[in-house]
Amino acid sequence: MIEHPVSDHALVRYMERVLELDVDGMRDFILTKDIKAAMSTGAKSASIGEFKYIFKNNKLVTIHGRSREDG
């Protein structure tokens, strides 16, 4: 994949400051009780609904569709 010239940090700040989206509220929305429960067990991932949530160092780091293979 070709690296985009707009960083993830800049994208988040744009959503937060220009579009005035509640980024912290979005984080809270993503962090459901099921995800919290999986993280509290030290799991590296959890399949919930149609998605697979990937954790590292007790943080949610990415989300994949269930059909995606992890390496």
Protein backbone atom coordinates (compact mmCIF):
# COMPACT_ATOMS: atom_id res chain seq x y z
CA MET A 1 0.00 0.00 0.00
CA ILE A 2 1.29 3.46 -0.89
CA GLU A 3 1.68 5.76 2.11
CA HIS A 4 -0.78 8.66 2.01
CA PRO A 5 0.71 12.13 2.52
CA VAL A 6 -1.88 12.93 5.22
CA SER A 7 -0.90 11.23 8.49
CA ASP A 8 -3.36 9.46 10.77
CA HIS A 9 -2.65 12.13 13.40
CA ALA A 10 -3.55 14.92 10.96
CA LEU A 11 -6.70 13.05 9.93
CA VAL A 12 -7.85 12.72 13.54
CA ARG A 13 -7.11 16.39 14.26
CA TYR A 14 -9.03 17.41 11.11
CA MET A 15 -12.05 15.39 12.21
CA GLU A 16 -11.80 16.84 15.70
CA ARG A 17 -11.05 20.50 14.93
CA VAL A 18 -12.43 21.16 11.46
CA LEU A 19 -15.39 18.79 11.33
CA GLU A 20 -15.92 19.23 15.09
CA LEU A 21 -16.49 15.50 15.62
CA ASP A 22 -16.35 14.23 19.18
CA VAL A 23 -13.33 11.95 18.80
CA ASP A 24 -13.26 10.97 22.49
CA GLY A 25 -16.96 10.16 22.26
CA MET A 26 -16.21 7.94 19.27
CA ARG A 27 -13.51 6.17 21.28
CA ASP A 28 -16.01 5.57 24.10
CA PHE A 29 -18.56 4.26 21.57
CA ILE A 30 -16.03 1.77 20.18
CA LEU A 31 -14.95 0.57 23.63
CA THR A 32 -17.96 -1.65 24.36
CA LYS A 33 -18.33 -3.89 27.40
CA ASP A 34 -17.40 -6.90 25.22
CA ILE A 35 -14.15 -5.27 24.10
CA LYS A 36 -13.33 -4.20 27.66
CA ALA A 37 -13.96 -7.75 28.86
CA ALA A 38 -11.69 -9.25 26.19
CA MET A 39 -8.94 -6.75 26.95
CA SER A 40 -9.17 -7.44 30.69
CA THR A 41 -8.29 -11.10 30.07
CA GLY A 42 -5.10 -10.15 28.25
CA ALA A 43 -6.44 -11.40 24.93
CA LYS A 44 -4.55 -10.44 21.77
CA SER A 45 -7.78 -10.33 19.76
CA ALA A 46 -11.52 -10.86 19.99
CA SER A 47 -14.11 -11.71 17.35
CA ILE A 48 -17.26 -9.77 18.12
CA GLY A 49 -20.09 -9.62 15.64
CA GLU A 50 -18.72 -9.26 12.12
CA PHE A 51 -15.38 -7.86 13.22
CA LYS A 52 -12.11 -8.94 14.78
CA TYR A 53 -10.58 -6.51 17.26
CA ILE A 54 -6.80 -6.60 17.69
CA PHE A 55 -5.16 -5.59 20.99
CA LYS A 56 -1.57 -4.76 21.87
CA ASN A 57 -0.31 -3.59 25.26
CA ASN A 58 -3.88 -3.35 26.54
CA LYS A 59 -4.97 -1.05 23.69
CA LEU A 60 -7.25 -1.62 20.75
CA VAL A 61 -4.91 -1.10 17.80
CA THR A 62 -6.96 -2.14 14.77
CA ILE A 63 -10.19 -3.70 13.59
CA HIS A 64 -10.55 -6.22 10.76
CA GLY A 65 -13.49 -7.73 8.97
CA ARG A 66 -13.86 -11.37 10.02
CA SER A 67 -12.77 -12.65 6.62
CA ARG A 68 -9.35 -11.02 6.85
CA GLU A 69 -6.43 -13.32 7.63
CA ASP A 70 -4.02 -12.13 10.31
CA GLY A 71 -0.31 -12.65 9.94
